Amino acid sequence: MLFCLAIDWIMSQCSSTLGTDVGQWKFTDQVYADDAALFTSDAANWPTVLAMFDSAAATMGLHTSWAKTRVQNLGSGPPAFPVDVTNERVESVNRFTYLGSDLDSSGYCSPEILRRIGIASSAVGRLDNVWKQPRLSLRTKLRIYTSCVQSTLLHGADTWTILKADGKRLQAFHMQCQRRILGIRWSDFVTNSSVAEKTGLPDIRAVIGDRRLALFGHVRRLPEGAPAHDALQVSVELLAGTTSVPDWRRKPGRPRSCWLRDVLKDVHLTAQEAWTAADDREGWRAQRSSVDYAF
């Protein structure tokens, strides 16, 4: 508790130099335990921001780990440049692992999805003796798969923006794992529907979609002023055309896929309708149970 108060105090000392403004909201940082992600809309501010953060932390007996600190531009604009702060060089990157998930400067989740498939594939291989164990029931093997492999594969999946190609890769890996557990070889010509019928496991796209809707409802019901709630409200207003950002204009051309569009595609509602519906916990839960997920 004391550490959390210390971090909050440090961030309050830096708030004047931090942040990016979106309409009436200002987003300054994202903090989890001793990991802090700082935001600024002007890359020229980084030396001042980082120096002030380090100075404020030092007053509480804390120190910035410059070896682990990186600068990254997410979503749009040119790549970030390295920054020199108090005789320390902070390198710029295009990909960074934060809280176990890879953040790519392109704003897409495909690199992280490929990375997760690779990590889960290693977990499947390490459990090969379990899949071949005849004394274990299929039910036990599937529970091990769900707990040890699928949980690894879907770490952070409720926040992914999934393209059609990403969905196909995830589903193909999911089916490959089930075939391995059942001892089905590629030359046996067994259909995916037959495999799914034997295991009874849901489509991986349904698992991700349900988690995504659950996250949307949870963030919607956070109190106003919570950064996650405010960020989601900004996105909803942009899609609904009621944004409070007067100078905002959508770029010409086809809009990019985004997480909120995936949510709306699942529930077949407009942004404002989904925002209103998710405020009712039980009603939103019933909405989730009736969705037919697809990518």
Protein backbone atom coordinates (compact mmCIF):
# COMPACT_ATOMS: atom_id res chain seq x y z
CA MET A 1 0.00 0.00 0.00
CA LEU A 2 2.80 2.40 0.91
CA PHE A 3 4.56 1.64 -2.40
CA CYS A 4 1.37 2.44 -4.34
CA LEU A 5 1.09 5.76 -2.50
CA ALA A 6 4.72 6.50 -3.33
CA ILE A 7 4.15 5.86 -7.04
CA ASP A 8 1.02 8.03 -7.01
CA TRP A 9 2.97 10.86 -5.38
CA ILE A 10 5.81 10.54 -7.93
CA MET A 11 3.34 10.71 -10.82
CA SER A 12 1.64 13.76 -9.30
CA GLN A 13 4.98 15.56 -9.29
CA CYS A 14 5.44 14.87 -13.02
CA SER A 15 1.89 15.52 -14.20
CA SER A 16 2.67 19.03 -15.44
CA THR A 17 5.12 17.71 -18.06
CA LEU A 18 3.33 14.42 -18.86
CA GLY A 19 0.34 13.51 -20.90
CA THR A 20 -1.50 13.66 -24.15
CA ASP A 21 -4.79 15.57 -24.42
CA VAL A 22 -7.85 14.06 -26.09
CA GLY A 23 -10.76 16.47 -25.86
CA GLN A 24 -11.55 17.09 -22.19
CA TRP A 25 -9.41 14.16 -21.05
CA LYS A 26 -5.69 14.01 -20.34
CA PHE A 27 -3.88 10.67 -20.20
CA THR A 28 -0.54 10.81 -18.41
CA ASP A 29 0.59 7.32 -17.46
CA GLN A 30 -0.14 3.63 -16.96
CA VAL A 31 1.36 2.19 -13.77
CA TYR A 32 1.40 -1.40 -12.53
CA ALA A 33 3.46 -2.13 -9.39
CA ASP A 34 6.94 -0.74 -10.17
CA ASP A 35 6.42 -0.64 -13.97
CA ALA A 36 5.41 2.74 -15.37
CA ALA A 37 4.47 3.70 -18.92
CA LEU A 38 4.60 7.48 -19.39
CA PHE A 39 2.73 9.31 -22.19
CA THR A 40 3.53 12.48 -24.09
CA SER A 41 2.27 13.84 -27.41
CA ASP A 42 5.52 15.70 -28.11
CA ALA A 43 8.71 13.63 -28.42
CA ALA A 44 10.81 16.73 -27.63
CA ASN A 45 9.48 16.57 -24.06
CA TRP A 46 11.07 13.21 -23.27
CA PRO A 47 14.33 14.51 -21.71
CA THR A 48 12.37 16.80 -19.38
CA VAL A 49 9.74 14.17 -18.55
CA LEU A 50 12.23 11.42 -17.76
CA ALA A 51 14.56 13.70 -15.79
CA MET A 52 11.67 14.98 -13.65
CA PHE A 53 10.38 11.44 -13.11
CA ASP A 54 13.81 10.23 -11.97
CA SER A 55 14.23 13.24 -9.68
CA ALA A 56 10.83 12.70 -8.06
CA ALA A 57 11.53 8.99 -7.60
CA ALA A 58 14.88 9.73 -5.93
CA THR A 59 13.14 11.73 -3.18
CA MET A 60 11.30 8.51 -2.23
CA GLY A 61 14.45 6.37 -2.32
CA LEU A 62 13.58 4.88 -5.71
CA HIS A 63 15.70 4.93 -8.85
CA THR A 64 14.92 4.56 -12.54
CA SER A 65 16.40 1.46 -14.21
CA TRP A 66 17.76 3.10 -17.35
CA ALA A 67 18.89 -0.28 -18.72
CA LYS A 68 15.23 -1.33 -18.88
CA THR A 69 13.79 2.00 -20.04
CA ARG A 70 12.84 2.49 -23.69
CA VAL A 71 11.10 5.12 -25.83
CA GLN A 72 8.46 3.99 -28.34
CA ASN A 73 5.97 5.67 -30.66
CA LEU A 74 2.74 3.66 -30.86
CA GLY A 75 0.17 3.69 -33.63
CA SER A 76 1.15 6.64 -35.81
CA GLY A 77 3.92 9.04 -36.65
CA PRO A 78 7.64 8.48 -37.28
CA PRO A 79 9.75 6.13 -35.13
CA ALA A 80 10.96 7.55 -31.83
CA PHE A 81 14.52 8.79 -31.45
CA PRO A 82 16.93 7.84 -28.63
CA VAL A 83 16.93 10.23 -25.67
CA ASP A 84 19.82 11.36 -23.46
CA VAL A 85 18.87 11.91 -19.81
CA THR A 86 21.34 12.71 -17.02
CA ASN A 87 24.23 11.11 -18.90
CA GLU A 88 22.13 8.03 -19.68
CA ARG A 89 21.07 6.95 -23.17
CA VAL A 90 17.45 5.74 -23.48
CA GLU A 91 17.16 3.70 -26.67
CA SER A 92 14.17 3.81 -29.01
CA VAL A 93 12.42 0.59 -30.07
CA ASN A 94 9.69 -0.58 -32.44
CA ARG A 95 8.67 -3.47 -30.18
CA PHE A 96 8.61 -3.65 -26.40
CA THR A 97 7.41 -6.29 -23.95
CA TYR A 98 5.27 -4.70 -21.24
CA LEU A 99 3.58 -6.83 -18.56
CA GLY A 100 4.20 -9.97 -20.61
CA SER A 101 2.77 -8.65 -23.90
CA ASP A 102 4.59 -7.35 -26.96
CA LEU A 103 3.64 -3.82 -28.05
CA ASP A 104 4.39 -3.14 -31.70
CA SER A 105 4.78 0.39 -33.06
CA SER A 106 2.43 -0.45 -35.94
CA GLY A 107 -0.43 -0.70 -33.45
CA TYR A 108 -1.39 -4.18 -34.67
CA CYS A 109 -1.36 -7.33 -32.53
CA SER A 110 -0.12 -9.82 -35.16
CA PRO A 111 3.48 -9.89 -33.81
CA GLU A 112 2.23 -10.60 -30.29
CA ILE A 113 -0.15 -13.31 -31.55
CA LEU A 114 2.69 -15.05 -33.41
CA ARG A 115 4.84 -14.78 -30.30
CA ARG A 116 2.09 -16.29 -28.13
CA ILE A 117 1.62 -19.18 -30.56
CA GLY A 118 5.36 -19.89 -30.34
CA ILE A 119 5.36 -19.86 -26.53
CA ALA A 120 2.26 -22.09 -26.38
CA SER A 121 3.79 -24.47 -28.93
CA SER A 122 6.79 -24.93 -26.62
CA ALA A 123 4.41 -25.69 -23.74
CA VAL A 124 2.65 -28.35 -25.85
CA GLY A 125 5.98 -29.99 -26.65
CA ARG A 126 7.05 -30.10 -23.00
CA LEU A 127 3.81 -31.91 -22.15
CA ASP A 128 4.20 -34.51 -24.89
CA ASN A 129 4.58 -37.34 -22.35
CA VAL A 130 1.25 -36.32 -20.81
CA TRP A 131 -0.57 -36.51 -24.16
CA LYS A 132 0.88 -40.00 -24.77
CA GLN A 133 0.02 -41.29 -21.28
CA PRO A 134 -2.69 -44.00 -21.79
CA ARG A 135 -3.66 -44.08 -18.10
CA LEU A 136 -4.87 -40.47 -18.17
CA SER A 137 -8.41 -39.85 -19.31
CA LEU A 138 -9.17 -37.51 -22.18
CA ARG A 139 -10.98 -35.22 -19.74
CA THR A 140 -7.84 -34.86 -17.62
CA LYS A 141 -5.66 -34.18 -20.66
CA LEU A 142 -8.04 -31.51 -21.89
CA ARG A 143 -8.07 -29.83 -18.49
CA ILE A 144 -4.27 -29.78 -18.52
CA TYR A 145 -4.35 -28.32 -22.04
CA THR A 146 -6.79 -25.60 -21.01
CA SER A 147 -4.83 -24.71 -17.88
CA CYS A 148 -1.25 -24.92 -19.14
CA VAL A 149 -1.39 -24.33 -22.90
CA GLN A 150 -4.51 -22.34 -23.73
CA SER A 151 -3.93 -19.93 -20.84
CA THR A 152 -0.42 -19.31 -22.19
CA LEU A 153 -1.70 -18.84 -25.72
CA LEU A 154 -4.41 -16.35 -24.71
CA HIS A 155 -2.49 -14.21 -22.24
CA GLY A 156 -3.84 -10.71 -22.86
CA ALA A 157 -6.09 -11.94 -25.69
CA ASP A 158 -9.05 -9.90 -24.41
CA THR A 159 -7.16 -6.76 -25.50
CA TRP A 160 -6.11 -7.98 -28.97
CA THR A 161 -7.35 -6.50 -32.22
CA ILE A 162 -7.55 -9.64 -34.34
CA LEU A 163 -7.34 -9.62 -38.11
CA LYS A 164 -8.87 -12.45 -40.14
CA ALA A 165 -5.43 -14.00 -40.75
CA ASP A 166 -4.68 -13.86 -37.02
CA GLY A 167 -7.94 -15.65 -36.22
CA LYS A 168 -7.15 -18.42 -38.69
CA ARG A 169 -3.67 -18.93 -37.19
CA LEU A 170 -5.05 -19.17 -33.67
CA GLN A 171 -7.80 -21.59 -34.65
CA ALA A 172 -5.38 -23.75 -36.66
CA PHE A 173 -3.04 -24.02 -33.65
CA HIS A 174 -5.99 -24.81 -31.36
CA MET A 175 -7.10 -27.65 -33.63
CA GLN A 176 -3.53 -28.92 -34.05
CA CYS A 177 -3.22 -29.21 -30.27
CA GLN A 178 -6.49 -31.16 -30.00
CA ARG A 179 -5.35 -33.57 -32.72
CA ARG A 180 -2.08 -34.10 -30.85
CA ILE A 181 -3.94 -34.88 -27.63
CA LEU A 182 -6.20 -37.35 -29.45
CA GLY A 183 -3.25 -38.96 -31.22
CA ILE A 184 -4.60 -38.10 -34.67
CA ARG A 185 -1.97 -37.85 -37.40
CA TRP A 186 -2.13 -35.45 -40.32
CA SER A 187 -2.54 -38.42 -42.69
CA ASP A 188 -5.66 -39.75 -40.92
CA PHE A 189 -7.99 -37.34 -42.77
CA VAL A 190 -10.15 -36.53 -39.74
CA THR A 191 -12.18 -33.33 -40.07
CA ASN A 192 -11.96 -30.47 -37.63
CA SER A 193 -15.64 -30.82 -36.80
CA SER A 194 -15.08 -34.45 -35.78
CA VAL A 195 -12.14 -33.44 -33.59
CA ALA A 196 -14.15 -30.68 -31.91
CA GLU A 197 -17.02 -33.10 -31.31
CA LYS A 198 -14.69 -35.56 -29.54
CA THR A 199 -13.03 -32.97 -27.30
CA GLY A 200 -16.01 -30.70 -26.68
CA LEU A 201 -13.73 -27.66 -26.52
CA PRO A 202 -15.18 -24.37 -27.78
CA ASP A 203 -13.83 -22.56 -30.81
CA ILE A 204 -10.84 -20.42 -29.81
CA ARG A 205 -12.53 -17.43 -31.45
CA ALA A 206 -15.50 -17.83 -29.10
CA VAL A 207 -13.20 -17.90 -26.08
CA ILE A 208 -11.43 -14.70 -27.16
CA GLY A 209 -14.66 -12.98 -28.13
CA ASP A 210 -16.31 -13.71 -24.78
CA ARG A 211 -13.28 -12.41 -22.88
CA ARG A 212 -13.27 -9.29 -25.03
CA LEU A 213 -16.92 -8.56 -24.27
CA ALA A 214 -16.34 -9.22 -20.57
CA LEU A 215 -13.50 -6.69 -20.57
CA PHE A 216 -15.64 -4.13 -22.40
CA GLY A 217 -18.37 -4.46 -19.77
CA HIS A 218 -15.89 -4.29 -16.89
CA VAL A 219 -14.20 -1.13 -18.21
CA ARG A 220 -17.57 0.46 -19.02
CA ARG A 221 -18.67 0.04 -15.41
CA LEU A 222 -15.51 1.55 -13.93
CA PRO A 223 -16.12 4.94 -12.26
CA GLU A 224 -15.74 8.08 -14.34
CA GLY A 225 -12.22 9.42 -13.99
CA ALA A 226 -10.62 5.98 -14.21
CA PRO A 227 -8.17 6.20 -17.17
CA ALA A 228 -9.42 2.97 -18.78
CA HIS A 229 -13.07 4.12 -18.56
CA ASP A 230 -12.26 7.54 -20.02
CA ALA A 231 -10.16 6.07 -22.86
CA LEU A 232 -12.99 3.71 -23.80
CA GLN A 233 -15.51 6.54 -23.67
CA VAL A 234 -13.37 8.57 -26.08
CA SER A 235 -13.31 5.62 -28.52
CA VAL A 236 -17.07 5.13 -28.25
CA GLU A 237 -17.73 8.81 -28.92
CA LEU A 238 -15.43 8.80 -31.93
CA LEU A 239 -17.28 5.85 -33.50
CA ALA A 240 -20.66 7.29 -32.54
CA GLY A 241 -19.79 10.67 -34.10
CA THR A 242 -20.37 12.57 -30.85
CA THR A 243 -16.73 13.31 -30.02
CA SER A 244 -15.83 16.26 -27.82
CA VAL A 245 -12.62 16.77 -29.81
CA PRO A 246 -13.58 19.65 -32.15
CA ASP A 247 -10.60 19.40 -34.50
CA TRP A 248 -10.71 15.62 -34.91
CA ARG A 249 -11.04 14.33 -38.48
CA ARG A 250 -10.90 10.74 -39.62
CA LYS A 251 -8.13 10.00 -42.08
CA PRO A 252 -9.31 9.33 -45.66
CA GLY A 253 -9.56 5.75 -46.82
CA ARG A 254 -10.75 2.58 -45.18
CA PRO A 255 -10.60 2.81 -41.35
CA ARG A 256 -8.20 0.49 -39.55
CA SER A 257 -9.47 -2.45 -37.58
CA CYS A 258 -9.63 -1.71 -33.89
CA TRP A 259 -10.59 -3.47 -30.68
CA LEU A 260 -13.86 -1.58 -30.27
CA ARG A 261 -14.97 -2.43 -33.81
CA ASP A 262 -14.43 -6.12 -32.97
CA VAL A 263 -16.68 -5.71 -29.92
CA LEU A 264 -19.43 -4.04 -31.94
CA LYS A 265 -19.19 -6.67 -34.69
CA ASP A 266 -19.72 -9.41 -32.09
CA VAL A 267 -22.83 -7.91 -30.48
CA HIS A 268 -24.27 -6.28 -33.66
CA LEU A 269 -24.84 -2.97 -31.86
CA THR A 270 -23.79 0.60 -32.49
CA ALA A 271 -21.12 2.11 -30.27
CA GLN A 272 -23.64 4.08 -28.22
CA GLU A 273 -26.00 1.09 -27.90
CA ALA A 274 -23.18 -1.13 -26.64
CA TRP A 275 -22.03 1.56 -24.21
CA THR A 276 -25.54 1.80 -22.75
CA ALA A 277 -26.16 -1.96 -22.69
CA ALA A 278 -22.88 -2.77 -20.91
CA ASP A 279 -23.86 -0.58 -17.96
CA ASP A 280 -26.30 -3.33 -16.92
CA ARG A 281 -24.10 -6.20 -15.70
CA GLU A 282 -26.73 -8.96 -15.93
CA GLY A 283 -28.10 -7.72 -19.24
CA TRP A 284 -24.61 -7.57 -20.74
CA ARG A 285 -23.87 -11.08 -19.47
CA ALA A 286 -27.01 -12.33 -21.21
CA GLN A 287 -25.94 -10.47 -24.37
CA ARG A 288 -22.57 -12.25 -24.27
CA SER A 289 -24.17 -15.69 -23.92
CA SER A 290 -26.22 -15.19 -27.12
CA VAL A 291 -23.35 -14.09 -29.39
CA ASP A 292 -22.17 -16.18 -32.34
CA TYR A 293 -18.50 -15.27 -32.58
CA ALA A 294 -16.63 -15.17 -35.89
CA PHE A 295 -13.53 -13.50 -37.38
